[in-house]
Amino acid sequence: MGEIITDKAVMRATGKTWNQWFEELEDSPSKDMGESAVQAWLTEHHTNIGGWWCQVITRRWESKRVASAAEHS
C-alpha cells in the first residue's frame, strides 16, 4: 500500500495544499472531462511541478470527488 502524502509534503513540493489543488481543479475547464483531461490540464498549466505530481494530484482529487458523490447518494 502506498504512503499517505501529507498536506505539508504536497505544499513543500508544489506550493499548494491539497485543498488549494482541489479548489483549482473544481474551477478548471477540464473537471468534467475525465481523469486524463484533468491530468493533461495540470501538466500544461503547472509545468513547475512535474508529471508525477500532476498524476498524484489528479488521482487524489478524483478519489475525493467519488467519495463525496457516494456520501450524497
Protein backbone atom coordinates (compact mmCIF):
# COMPACT_ATOMS: atom_id res chain seq x y z
CA MET A 1 0.00 0.00 0.00
CA GLY A 2 1.26 3.50 -0.82
CA GLU A 3 2.29 6.14 1.63
CA ILE A 4 -0.09 8.92 2.55
CA ILE A 5 1.16 12.25 1.25
CA THR A 6 0.55 14.88 3.89
CA ASP A 7 -0.65 18.41 3.28
CA LYS A 8 2.75 19.65 4.42
CA ALA A 9 4.54 17.43 1.90
CA VAL A 10 2.35 18.49 -1.02
CA MET A 11 2.78 22.15 -0.03
CA ARG A 12 6.55 21.79 0.12
CA ALA A 13 6.71 20.07 -3.27
CA THR A 14 4.09 22.05 -5.19
CA GLY A 15 3.49 25.31 -3.35
CA LYS A 16 -0.16 24.46 -2.66
CA THR A 17 -2.12 22.43 -0.14
CA TRP A 18 -4.42 19.58 -1.11
CA ASN A 19 -7.48 21.82 -0.64
CA GLN A 20 -5.96 24.54 -2.82
CA TRP A 21 -5.36 21.99 -5.57
CA PHE A 22 -8.89 20.60 -5.20
CA GLU A 23 -10.41 24.09 -5.43
CA GLU A 24 -8.36 24.87 -8.53
CA LEU A 25 -9.39 21.63 -10.21
CA GLU A 26 -13.06 22.21 -9.40
CA ASP A 27 -12.74 25.55 -11.21
CA SER A 28 -10.79 24.11 -14.16
CA PRO A 29 -12.39 23.72 -17.58
CA SER A 30 -11.32 20.06 -17.65
CA LYS A 31 -13.09 18.97 -14.45
CA ASP A 32 -15.88 17.08 -16.23
CA MET A 33 -13.71 15.60 -18.98
CA GLY A 34 -12.22 12.67 -17.08
CA GLU A 35 -9.00 11.93 -15.29
CA SER A 36 -6.77 12.06 -18.38
CA ALA A 37 -8.00 15.51 -19.37
CA VAL A 38 -7.57 16.83 -15.84
CA GLN A 39 -4.03 15.49 -15.66
CA ALA A 40 -3.23 16.98 -19.08
CA TRP A 41 -4.62 20.35 -17.96
CA LEU A 42 -2.48 20.27 -14.81
CA THR A 43 0.61 19.28 -16.79
CA GLU A 44 0.05 22.13 -19.24
CA HIS A 45 -0.71 24.80 -16.65
CA HIS A 46 1.69 23.77 -13.89
CA THR A 47 4.92 22.79 -15.63
CA ASN A 48 6.90 23.53 -12.47
CA ILE A 49 5.55 20.55 -10.50
CA GLY A 50 6.29 17.70 -12.90
CA GLY A 51 4.23 14.86 -14.29
CA TRP A 52 4.36 12.66 -11.20
CA TRP A 53 2.78 15.34 -9.02
CA CYS A 54 0.17 16.09 -11.69
CA GLN A 55 -0.80 12.42 -11.64
CA VAL A 56 -0.90 12.21 -7.84
CA ILE A 57 -2.95 15.40 -7.50
CA THR A 58 -5.39 14.26 -10.18
CA ARG A 59 -5.90 10.84 -8.60
CA ARG A 60 -6.34 12.25 -5.12
CA TRP A 61 -8.85 14.82 -6.40
CA GLU A 62 -10.76 12.16 -8.33
CA SER A 63 -10.89 9.92 -5.24
CA LYS A 64 -12.22 12.83 -3.20
CA ARG A 65 -14.93 13.52 -5.79
CA VAL A 66 -16.02 9.87 -5.86
CA ALA A 67 -16.15 9.71 -2.06
CA SER A 68 -18.13 12.95 -1.91
CA ALA A 69 -20.61 11.70 -4.52
CA ALA A 70 -21.08 8.45 -2.59
CA GLU A 71 -21.82 10.40 0.59
CA HIS A 72 -24.52 12.39 -1.18
CA SER A 73 -26.29 9.47 -2.84
